[in-house]
């Protein structure tokens, strides 16, 4: 039962981390495409 009490806070952290690192893959993808175009 104690796990359920701390559970609401736990999914919040991965969600924020996901939102923080979401632009990173997109930026890397754009960077890789530009690199390919430059080659």
Protein backbone atom coordinates (compact mmCIF):
# COMPACT_ATOMS: atom_id res chain seq x y z
CA UNK A 1 0.00 0.00 0.00
CA UNK A 2 2.93 2.35 0.65
CA UNK A 3 4.05 1.89 -2.98
CA UNK A 4 0.74 3.30 -4.24
CA UNK A 5 1.27 6.39 -2.06
CA UNK A 6 4.59 7.18 -3.75
CA UNK A 7 3.39 5.97 -7.17
CA UNK A 8 1.76 9.26 -8.31
CA UNK A 9 5.13 11.04 -8.10
CA UNK A 10 7.11 8.36 -9.91
CA UNK A 11 5.48 8.49 -13.38
CA UNK A 12 5.89 12.27 -13.30
CA UNK A 13 9.69 12.07 -13.37
CA UNK A 14 10.05 9.82 -16.45
CA UNK A 15 7.42 11.96 -18.20
CA UNK A 16 9.39 15.15 -17.59
CA UNK A 17 12.61 13.44 -18.65
CA UNK A 18 10.88 12.20 -21.80
CA UNK A 19 9.63 15.72 -22.56
CA UNK A 20 13.11 17.06 -21.93
CA UNK A 21 14.83 14.54 -24.19
CA UNK A 22 12.11 14.57 -26.86
CA UNK A 23 13.70 17.42 -28.91
CA UNK A 24 17.09 15.71 -28.75
CA UNK A 25 16.37 12.78 -31.13
CA UNK A 26 14.53 15.16 -33.44
CA UNK A 27 17.52 17.49 -33.51
CA UNK A 28 19.91 14.59 -34.09
CA UNK A 29 17.69 13.32 -36.90
CA UNK A 30 17.67 16.75 -38.53
CA UNK A 31 21.42 17.06 -38.05
CA UNK A 32 22.04 13.64 -39.60
CA UNK A 33 19.82 14.47 -42.58
CA UNK A 34 21.69 17.75 -43.13
CA UNK A 35 24.99 15.90 -42.88
CA UNK A 36 23.81 13.40 -45.50
CA UNK A 37 22.67 16.25 -47.75
CA UNK A 38 26.04 17.95 -47.36
CA UNK A 39 27.83 14.76 -48.30
